[in-house]
């Protein structure tokens, strides 16, 4: 199955005939993958979104998240763009298509797709062996986590993204797959949207055993509903590692921390 995914991805992007030498990354997660492949020397531009890793300190910026400077990008003469669709607005994505610059589009919906895309990016960079080695290491770590945290009856988990309005993650979002690795089930896995808006009543109805959020105040607010299993059992858990929000190789260790948070006794 992994080989089929890789073949489909490579055919879809129709990548450059030769290995890329001047790469512009249009998402922090994709910049991280290039760094993890020890290939930051190929980056000539990056899209900024928050604090940069040290390896990217001197690399020119092509704008910020959602605000791409296309003139600046063209001045860098890239021969490969790495694109996560959500990092660039739809109008500018259309502009990029018309530029005919080879583009690799990465939007993994599960952790296996992430490892396949790491291999595909390495191939685009002319460093396929590094991609194979990294992907295999990540798969082994994932297999270990799945075996350790497997449950006959998965824990029901509500993953809160924001509170006003209330947002969560849908079944096609990669965080939902990370929960599965941890022996848990996203209570809104049936929703197709990556970040659906839901109501408090819907959460109460699905009665999660664990509620996860990155803000303590948001967690405390759930104590107003003591009938929820997560509240009754004291399972309002604070997610402090932002690595779950960036689908690069580091997300596997962020998933390991998530598993430890949900099931510290395993």
C-alpha atoms as a PDB file:
ATOM      1  CA  UNK A   1       0.000   0.000   0.000  1.00  0.00           C
ATOM      2  CA  UNK A   2       2.839   2.416   0.852  1.00  0.00           C
ATOM      3  CA  UNK A   3       4.424   1.947  -2.580  1.00  0.00           C
ATOM      4  CA  UNK A   4       1.095   2.588  -4.290  1.00  0.00           C
ATOM      5  CA  UNK A   5       0.664   5.842  -2.327  1.00  0.00           C
ATOM      6  CA  UNK A   6       4.160   6.952  -3.320  1.00  0.00           C
ATOM      7  CA  UNK A   7       3.569   6.206  -6.998  1.00  0.00           C
ATOM      8  CA  UNK A   8       0.251   8.101  -6.972  1.00  0.00           C
ATOM      9  CA  UNK A   9       1.816  11.132  -5.319  1.00  0.00           C
ATOM     10  CA  UNK A  10       4.720  11.284  -7.738  1.00  0.00           C
ATOM     11  CA  UNK A  11       2.435  10.973 -10.748  1.00  0.00           C
ATOM     12  CA  UNK A  12       0.086  13.628  -9.363  1.00  0.00           C
ATOM     13  CA  UNK A  13       2.721  16.290  -8.977  1.00  0.00           C
ATOM     14  CA  UNK A  14       4.705  15.446 -12.092  1.00  0.00           C
ATOM     15  CA  UNK A  15       7.815  16.757 -10.255  1.00  0.00           C
ATOM     16  CA  UNK A  16      10.982  18.158 -11.816  1.00  0.00           C
ATOM     17  CA  UNK A  17      12.975  16.018 -14.236  1.00  0.00           C
ATOM     18  CA  UNK A  18      16.084  16.440 -12.091  1.00  0.00           C
ATOM     19  CA  UNK A  19      16.601  16.859  -8.370  1.00  0.00           C
ATOM     20  CA  UNK A  20      15.595  20.279  -7.124  1.00  0.00           C
ATOM     21  CA  UNK A  21      18.367  22.708  -6.254  1.00  0.00           C
ATOM     22  CA  UNK A  22      16.407  25.838  -5.295  1.00  0.00           C
ATOM     23  CA  UNK A  23      13.460  25.035  -3.057  1.00  0.00           C
ATOM     24  CA  UNK A  24      10.882  27.367  -1.546  1.00  0.00           C
ATOM     25  CA  UNK A  25       8.838  25.932   1.317  1.00  0.00           C
ATOM     26  CA  UNK A  26       5.368  27.374   1.779  1.00  0.00           C
ATOM     27  CA  UNK A  27       4.564  25.807   5.170  1.00  0.00           C
ATOM     28  CA  UNK A  28       6.478  25.459   8.467  1.00  0.00           C
ATOM     29  CA  UNK A  29       5.763  21.713   8.534  1.00  0.00           C
ATOM     30  CA  UNK A  30       7.322  21.270   5.089  1.00  0.00           C
ATOM     31  CA  UNK A  31      10.353  23.349   6.097  1.00  0.00           C
ATOM     32  CA  UNK A  32      10.731  21.014   9.081  1.00  0.00           C
ATOM     33  CA  UNK A  33      10.661  17.970   6.805  1.00  0.00           C
ATOM     34  CA  UNK A  34      13.459  19.442   4.691  1.00  0.00           C
ATOM     35  CA  UNK A  35      15.477  20.027   7.860  1.00  0.00           C
ATOM     36  CA  UNK A  36      14.771  16.484   9.058  1.00  0.00           C
ATOM     37  CA  UNK A  37      16.135  15.225   5.724  1.00  0.00           C
ATOM     38  CA  UNK A  38      19.340  17.211   6.364  1.00  0.00           C
ATOM     39  CA  UNK A  39      18.591  19.202   3.222  1.00  0.00           C
ATOM     40  CA  UNK A  40      18.150  22.761   4.494  1.00  0.00           C
ATOM     41  CA  UNK A  41      20.999  23.758   2.160  1.00  0.00           C
ATOM     42  CA  UNK A  42      18.502  23.495  -0.728  1.00  0.00           C
ATOM     43  CA  UNK A  43      16.062  26.025   0.734  1.00  0.00           C
ATOM     44  CA  UNK A  44      16.204  29.494  -0.821  1.00  0.00           C
ATOM     45  CA  UNK A  45      12.956  30.808   0.682  1.00  0.00           C
ATOM     46  CA  UNK A  46      10.377  29.993   3.350  1.00  0.00           C
ATOM     47  CA  UNK A  47       6.931  31.181   4.378  1.00  0.00           C
ATOM     48  CA  UNK A  48       6.982  32.450   7.940  1.00  0.00           C
ATOM     49  CA  UNK A  49       4.498  31.435  10.636  1.00  0.00           C
ATOM     50  CA  UNK A  50       5.797  31.905  14.143  1.00  0.00           C
ATOM     51  CA  UNK A  51       9.319  31.337  15.400  1.00  0.00           C
ATOM     52  CA  UNK A  52      11.796  29.835  12.946  1.00  0.00           C
ATOM     53  CA  UNK A  53      14.073  26.858  13.641  1.00  0.00           C
ATOM     54  CA  UNK A  54      17.736  27.852  13.914  1.00  0.00           C
ATOM     55  CA  UNK A  55      18.501  26.126  10.598  1.00  0.00           C
ATOM     56  CA  UNK A  56      16.268  28.637   8.779  1.00  0.00           C
ATOM     57  CA  UNK A  57      17.561  31.772  10.464  1.00  0.00           C
ATOM     58  CA  UNK A  58      19.238  33.275   7.388  1.00  0.00           C
ATOM     59  CA  UNK A  59      16.871  32.044   4.669  1.00  0.00           C
ATOM     60  CA  UNK A  60      14.854  34.763   2.872  1.00  0.00           C
ATOM     61  CA  UNK A  61      11.163  35.113   3.667  1.00  0.00           C
ATOM     62  CA  UNK A  62       8.477  34.940   0.962  1.00  0.00           C
ATOM     63  CA  UNK A  63       5.790  36.316   3.249  1.00  0.00           C
ATOM     64  CA  UNK A  64       3.726  35.121   6.150  1.00  0.00           C
ATOM     65  CA  UNK A  65       1.039  32.513   6.616  1.00  0.00           C
ATOM     66  CA  UNK A  66      -1.817  33.410   4.269  1.00  0.00           C
ATOM     67  CA  UNK A  67       0.087  36.397   2.805  1.00  0.00           C
ATOM     68  CA  UNK A  68       2.487  35.158   0.125  1.00  0.00           C
ATOM     69  CA  UNK A  69       4.756  37.687  -1.618  1.00  0.00           C
ATOM     70  CA  UNK A  70       4.789  36.198  -5.113  1.00  0.00           C
ATOM     71  CA  UNK A  71       7.197  38.808  -6.537  1.00  0.00           C
ATOM     72  CA  UNK A  72       9.684  37.965  -3.813  1.00  0.00           C
ATOM     73  CA  UNK A  73       9.187  34.261  -4.489  1.00  0.00           C
ATOM     74  CA  UNK A  74       9.891  34.711  -8.221  1.00  0.00           C
ATOM     75  CA  UNK A  75      13.040  36.690  -7.490  1.00  0.00           C
ATOM     76  CA  UNK A  76      14.470  33.594  -5.761  1.00  0.00           C
ATOM     77  CA  UNK A  77      14.123  31.529  -8.987  1.00  0.00           C
ATOM     78  CA  UNK A  78      12.879  28.327  -7.317  1.00  0.00           C
ATOM     79  CA  UNK A  79      12.828  25.044  -9.214  1.00  0.00           C
ATOM     80  CA  UNK A  80      10.514  23.413  -6.655  1.00  0.00           C
ATOM     81  CA  UNK A  81       7.730  24.690  -4.408  1.00  0.00           C
ATOM     82  CA  UNK A  82       6.604  22.730  -1.364  1.00  0.00           C
ATOM     83  CA  UNK A  83       2.992  23.642  -0.659  1.00  0.00           C
ATOM     84  CA  UNK A  84       0.480  22.865   2.055  1.00  0.00           C
ATOM     85  CA  UNK A  85      -2.825  24.214   0.628  1.00  0.00           C
ATOM     86  CA  UNK A  86      -3.978  25.838   3.865  1.00  0.00           C
ATOM     87  CA  UNK A  87      -0.916  28.078   4.086  1.00  0.00           C
ATOM     88  CA  UNK A  88      -1.760  30.063   0.931  1.00  0.00           C
ATOM     89  CA  UNK A  89      -5.100  31.607  -0.028  1.00  0.00           C
ATOM     90  CA  UNK A  90      -7.061  30.114  -2.933  1.00  0.00           C
ATOM     91  CA  UNK A  91      -6.475  33.108  -5.240  1.00  0.00           C
ATOM     92  CA  UNK A  92      -2.717  32.948  -4.742  1.00  0.00           C
ATOM     93  CA  UNK A  93      -2.746  29.171  -5.211  1.00  0.00           C
ATOM     94  CA  UNK A  94      -4.255  29.785  -8.637  1.00  0.00           C
ATOM     95  CA  UNK A  95      -1.506  32.307  -9.369  1.00  0.00           C
ATOM     96  CA  UNK A  96       1.114  29.758  -8.411  1.00  0.00           C
ATOM     97  CA  UNK A  97      -0.385  27.219 -10.812  1.00  0.00           C
ATOM     98  CA  UNK A  98      -0.017  29.667 -13.690  1.00  0.00           C
ATOM     99  CA  UNK A  99       3.688  30.139 -12.932  1.00  0.00           C
ATOM    100  CA  UNK A 100       4.397  26.525 -13.993  1.00  0.00           C
ATOM    101  CA  UNK A 101       6.953  26.019 -11.249  1.00  0.00           C
ATOM    102  CA  UNK A 102       7.138  22.326 -10.255  1.00  0.00           C
ATOM    103  CA  UNK A 103       5.100  22.010  -7.063  1.00  0.00           C
ATOM    104  CA  UNK A 104       4.738  19.276  -4.487  1.00  0.00           C
ATOM    105  CA  UNK A 105       1.431  19.542  -2.618  1.00  0.00           C
ATOM    106  CA  UNK A 106       1.404  17.856   0.802  1.00  0.00           C
ATOM    107  CA  UNK A 107      -1.714  17.485   2.910  1.00  0.00           C
ATOM    108  CA  UNK A 108      -1.487  14.177   4.804  1.00  0.00           C
ATOM    109  CA  UNK A 109      -4.680  12.939   6.436  1.00  0.00           C
ATOM    110  CA  UNK A 110      -3.024  10.218   8.489  1.00  0.00           C
ATOM    111  CA  UNK A 111       0.424   9.378   9.792  1.00  0.00           C
ATOM    112  CA  UNK A 112       1.121   6.720   7.155  1.00  0.00           C
ATOM    113  CA  UNK A 113       0.482   9.290   4.417  1.00  0.00           C
ATOM    114  CA  UNK A 114       2.896  11.598   6.245  1.00  0.00           C
ATOM    115  CA  UNK A 115       5.709   9.035   6.086  1.00  0.00           C
ATOM    116  CA  UNK A 116       4.993   8.409   2.397  1.00  0.00           C
ATOM    117  CA  UNK A 117       5.120  12.136   1.687  1.00  0.00           C
ATOM    118  CA  UNK A 118       8.442  12.432   3.528  1.00  0.00           C
ATOM    119  CA  UNK A 119       9.844   9.823   1.128  1.00  0.00           C
ATOM    120  CA  UNK A 120       8.348  11.626  -1.872  1.00  0.00           C
ATOM    121  CA  UNK A 121       9.816  14.981  -0.812  1.00  0.00           C
ATOM    122  CA  UNK A 122      13.228  13.362  -0.338  1.00  0.00           C
ATOM    123  CA  UNK A 123      12.997  11.997  -3.871  1.00  0.00           C
ATOM    124  CA  UNK A 124      12.155  15.464  -5.207  1.00  0.00           C
ATOM    125  CA  UNK A 125      15.253  16.785  -3.433  1.00  0.00           C
ATOM    126  CA  UNK A 126      17.476  14.083  -4.905  1.00  0.00           C
ATOM    127  CA  UNK A 127      17.995  12.552  -1.460  1.00  0.00           C
ATOM    128  CA  UNK A 128      15.773   9.519  -1.663  1.00  0.00           C
ATOM    129  CA  UNK A 129      17.901   7.334   0.607  1.00  0.00           C
ATOM    130  CA  UNK A 130      17.521   9.810   3.449  1.00  0.00           C
ATOM    131  CA  UNK A 131      13.768   9.756   2.972  1.00  0.00           C
ATOM    132  CA  UNK A 132      13.569   5.975   3.042  1.00  0.00           C
ATOM    133  CA  UNK A 133      15.694   5.814   6.205  1.00  0.00           C
ATOM    134  CA  UNK A 134      13.697   8.509   8.021  1.00  0.00           C
ATOM    135  CA  UNK A 135      10.324   7.087   6.985  1.00  0.00           C
ATOM    136  CA  UNK A 136      11.286   3.596   8.130  1.00  0.00           C
ATOM    137  CA  UNK A 137      12.440   4.917  11.493  1.00  0.00           C
ATOM    138  CA  UNK A 138       9.136   6.778  11.930  1.00  0.00           C
ATOM    139  CA  UNK A 139       7.080   3.721  10.952  1.00  0.00           C
ATOM    140  CA  UNK A 140       8.873   1.576  13.476  1.00  0.00           C
ATOM    141  CA  UNK A 141       8.159   4.132  16.180  1.00  0.00           C
ATOM    142  CA  UNK A 142       4.483   4.256  15.169  1.00  0.00           C
ATOM    143  CA  UNK A 143       4.188   0.463  15.232  1.00  0.00           C
ATOM    144  CA  UNK A 144       5.680   0.447  18.720  1.00  0.00           C
ATOM    145  CA  UNK A 145       3.191   3.058  19.923  1.00  0.00           C
ATOM    146  CA  UNK A 146       0.231   1.217  18.398  1.00  0.00           C
ATOM    147  CA  UNK A 147       1.211  -2.011  20.111  1.00  0.00           C
ATOM    148  CA  UNK A 148       1.802  -0.336  23.460  1.00  0.00           C
ATOM    149  CA  UNK A 149      -1.422   1.690  23.590  1.00  0.00           C
ATOM    150  CA  UNK A 150      -3.821  -0.638  21.804  1.00  0.00           C
ATOM    151  CA  UNK A 151      -7.213  -1.066  23.514  1.00  0.00           C
ATOM    152  CA  UNK A 152     -10.020  -3.494  22.759  1.00  0.00           C
ATOM    153  CA  UNK A 153     -12.421  -0.603  23.427  1.00  0.00           C
ATOM    154  CA  UNK A 154     -10.887   2.747  22.392  1.00  0.00           C
ATOM    155  CA  UNK A 155     -11.228   5.717  24.721  1.00  0.00           C
ATOM    156  CA  UNK A 156     -13.754   8.304  23.558  1.00  0.00           C
ATOM    157  CA  UNK A 157     -11.870  11.592  23.167  1.00  0.00           C
ATOM    158  CA  UNK A 158     -12.986  15.122  22.364  1.00  0.00           C
ATOM    159  CA  UNK A 159     -10.128  17.208  20.959  1.00  0.00           C
ATOM    160  CA  UNK A 160     -10.948  20.903  21.359  1.00  0.00           C
ATOM    161  CA  UNK A 161      -9.303  23.325  18.955  1.00  0.00           C
ATOM    162  CA  UNK A 162     -11.083  26.490  20.123  1.00  0.00           C
ATOM    163  CA  UNK A 163     -13.994  27.473  22.338  1.00  0.00           C
ATOM    164  CA  UNK A 164     -15.688  30.570  20.841  1.00  0.00           C
ATOM    165  CA  UNK A 165     -17.119  29.147  18.705  1.00  0.00           C
ATOM    166  CA  UNK A 166     -16.406  25.535  19.597  1.00  0.00           C
ATOM    167  CA  UNK A 167     -14.156  23.795  17.070  1.00  0.00           C
ATOM    168  CA  UNK A 168     -12.743  20.283  16.973  1.00  0.00           C
ATOM    169  CA  UNK A 169     -11.000  18.035  14.419  1.00  0.00           C
ATOM    170  CA  UNK A 170     -12.811  15.780  11.957  1.00  0.00           C
ATOM    171  CA  UNK A 171     -12.024  12.231  10.970  1.00  0.00           C
ATOM    172  CA  UNK A 172      -9.886  13.239   7.985  1.00  0.00           C
ATOM    173  CA  UNK A 173      -7.606  15.438  10.071  1.00  0.00           C
ATOM    174  CA  UNK A 174      -4.251  13.875  10.923  1.00  0.00           C
ATOM    175  CA  UNK A 175      -4.698  14.511  14.671  1.00  0.00           C
ATOM    176  CA  UNK A 176      -7.647  12.132  14.564  1.00  0.00           C
ATOM    177  CA  UNK A 177      -5.273   9.408  13.357  1.00  0.00           C
ATOM    178  CA  UNK A 178      -2.791  10.273  16.114  1.00  0.00           C
ATOM    179  CA  UNK A 179      -5.573   9.609  18.624  1.00  0.00           C
ATOM    180  CA  UNK A 180      -6.117   6.175  17.086  1.00  0.00           C
ATOM    181  CA  UNK A 181      -2.425   5.372  17.542  1.00  0.00           C
ATOM    182  CA  UNK A 182      -2.942   6.124  21.232  1.00  0.00           C
ATOM    183  CA  UNK A 183      -5.832   3.692  21.596  1.00  0.00           C
ATOM    184  CA  UNK A 184      -8.416   6.468  21.454  1.00  0.00           C
ATOM    185  CA  UNK A 185     -11.260   7.451  19.149  1.00  0.00           C
ATOM    186  CA  UNK A 186     -12.158  10.980  18.136  1.00  0.00           C
ATOM    187  CA  UNK A 187     -15.835  11.336  19.073  1.00  0.00           C
ATOM    188  CA  UNK A 188     -16.326  13.492  15.961  1.00  0.00           C
ATOM    189  CA  UNK A 189     -14.444  11.177  13.581  1.00  0.00           C
ATOM    190  CA  UNK A 190     -17.629  10.857  11.514  1.00  0.00           C
ATOM    191  CA  UNK A 191     -17.408  14.507  10.435  1.00  0.00           C
ATOM    192  CA  UNK A 192     -15.557  15.009   7.112  1.00  0.00           C
ATOM    193  CA  UNK A 193     -14.406  18.599   7.667  1.00  0.00           C
ATOM    194  CA  UNK A 194     -10.840  19.046   8.961  1.00  0.00           C
ATOM    195  CA  UNK A 195     -11.954  21.549  11.646  1.00  0.00           C
ATOM    196  CA  UNK A 196     -15.738  21.359  12.108  1.00  0.00           C
ATOM    197  CA  UNK A 197     -17.683  23.677  14.362  1.00  0.00           C
ATOM    198  CA  UNK A 198     -19.759  21.762  16.894  1.00  0.00           C
ATOM    199  CA  UNK A 199     -22.157  22.599  19.700  1.00  0.00           C
ATOM    200  CA  UNK A 200     -21.833  21.892  23.399  1.00  0.00           C
ATOM    201  CA  UNK A 201     -24.975  19.755  23.151  1.00  0.00           C
ATOM    202  CA  UNK A 202     -23.274  17.511  20.566  1.00  0.00           C
ATOM    203  CA  UNK A 203     -20.287  17.029  22.868  1.00  0.00           C
ATOM    204  CA  UNK A 204     -22.575  16.169  25.782  1.00  0.00           C
ATOM    205  CA  UNK A 205     -24.425  13.653  23.648  1.00  0.00           C
ATOM    206  CA  UNK A 206     -21.204  11.882  22.615  1.00  0.00           C
ATOM    207  CA  UNK A 207     -20.028  11.865  26.226  1.00  0.00           C
ATOM    208  CA  UNK A 208     -16.226  11.775  25.835  1.00  0.00           C
ATOM    209  CA  UNK A 209     -14.130  10.015  28.456  1.00  0.00           C
ATOM    210  CA  UNK A 210     -11.259  12.442  27.830  1.00  0.00           C
ATOM    211  CA  UNK A 211     -11.279  16.107  26.766  1.00  0.00           C
ATOM    212  CA  UNK A 212      -8.088  17.557  25.324  1.00  0.00           C
ATOM    213  CA  UNK A 213      -7.324  21.255  24.791  1.00  0.00           C
ATOM    214  CA  UNK A 214      -4.272  23.519  24.641  1.00  0.00           C
ATOM    215  CA  UNK A 215      -5.743  26.106  27.021  1.00  0.00           C
ATOM    216  CA  UNK A 216      -6.389  25.442  30.709  1.00  0.00           C
ATOM    217  CA  UNK A 217      -9.259  27.927  30.929  1.00  0.00           C
ATOM    218  CA  UNK A 218     -11.057  26.122  28.116  1.00  0.00           C
ATOM    219  CA  UNK A 219     -10.713  22.865  30.012  1.00  0.00           C
ATOM    220  CA  UNK A 220     -11.961  24.398  33.264  1.00  0.00           C
ATOM    221  CA  UNK A 221     -15.121  25.584  31.500  1.00  0.00           C
ATOM    222  CA  UNK A 222     -16.214  21.958  31.000  1.00  0.00           C
ATOM    223  CA  UNK A 223     -16.661  21.567  34.760  1.00  0.00           C
ATOM    224  CA  UNK A 224     -20.044  23.228  34.273  1.00  0.00           C
ATOM    225  CA  UNK A 225     -21.202  19.849  32.880  1.00  0.00           C
ATOM    226  CA  UNK A 226     -20.337  17.279  35.584  1.00  0.00           C
ATOM    227  CA  UNK A 227     -22.439  14.647  33.792  1.00  0.00           C
ATOM    228  CA  UNK A 228     -19.754  14.304  31.098  1.00  0.00           C
ATOM    229  CA  UNK A 229     -17.577  11.256  31.742  1.00  0.00           C
ATOM    230  CA  UNK A 230     -14.343  13.228  31.222  1.00  0.00           C
ATOM    231  CA  UNK A 231     -15.389  15.745  33.883  1.00  0.00           C
ATOM    232  CA  UNK A 232     -16.593  13.117  36.335  1.00  0.00           C
ATOM    233  CA  UNK A 233     -13.339  11.166  35.951  1.00  0.00           C
ATOM    234  CA  UNK A 234     -11.058  14.221  36.061  1.00  0.00           C
ATOM    235  CA  UNK A 235      -9.832  13.638  32.527  1.00  0.00           C
ATOM    236  CA  UNK A 236      -9.582  17.252  31.336  1.00  0.00           C
ATOM    237  CA  UNK A 237      -6.078  17.128  29.891  1.00  0.00           C
ATOM    238  CA  UNK A 238      -3.858  19.989  28.753  1.00  0.00           C
ATOM    239  CA  UNK A 239      -1.948  19.467  25.493  1.00  0.00           C
ATOM    240  CA  UNK A 240       1.239  21.528  25.720  1.00  0.00           C
ATOM    241  CA  UNK A 241       3.164  20.151  22.730  1.00  0.00           C
ATOM    242  CA  UNK A 242       2.344  22.145  19.574  1.00  0.00           C
ATOM    243  CA  UNK A 243       3.980  19.462  17.444  1.00  0.00           C
ATOM    244  CA  UNK A 244       0.609  17.854  16.783  1.00  0.00           C
ATOM    245  CA  UNK A 245      -0.297  20.885  14.680  1.00  0.00           C
ATOM    246  CA  UNK A 246       2.676  20.468  12.301  1.00  0.00           C
ATOM    247  CA  UNK A 247       2.647  17.290  10.200  1.00  0.00           C
ATOM    248  CA  UNK A 248       6.374  16.655   9.861  1.00  0.00           C
ATOM    249  CA  UNK A 249       8.542  13.866  11.214  1.00  0.00           C
ATOM    250  CA  UNK A 250       8.536  15.393  14.689  1.00  0.00           C
ATOM    251  CA  UNK A 251       4.790  14.742  14.880  1.00  0.00           C
ATOM    252  CA  UNK A 252       5.487  11.100  15.673  1.00  0.00           C
ATOM    253  CA  UNK A 253       7.165  12.034  18.961  1.00  0.00           C
ATOM    254  CA  UNK A 254       4.406  14.575  19.604  1.00  0.00           C
ATOM    255  CA  UNK A 255       1.993  11.660  19.201  1.00  0.00           C
ATOM    256  CA  UNK A 256       4.037   9.642  21.715  1.00  0.00           C
ATOM    257  CA  UNK A 257       3.616  12.503  24.224  1.00  0.00           C
ATOM    258  CA  UNK A 258      -0.104  12.556  23.481  1.00  0.00           C
ATOM    259  CA  UNK A 259      -0.326   8.820  24.207  1.00  0.00           C
ATOM    260  CA  UNK A 260       1.515   9.278  27.481  1.00  0.00           C
ATOM    261  CA  UNK A 261      -0.853  12.095  28.426  1.00  0.00           C
ATOM    262  CA  UNK A 262      -3.956  10.030  27.692  1.00  0.00           C
ATOM    263  CA  UNK A 263      -2.708   6.756  29.195  1.00  0.00           C
ATOM    264  CA  UNK A 264       0.173   7.484  31.610  1.00  0.00           C
ATOM    265  CA  UNK A 265       0.019   4.008  33.160  1.00  0.00           C
ATOM    266  CA  UNK A 266       0.740   2.098  29.929  1.00  0.00           C
END
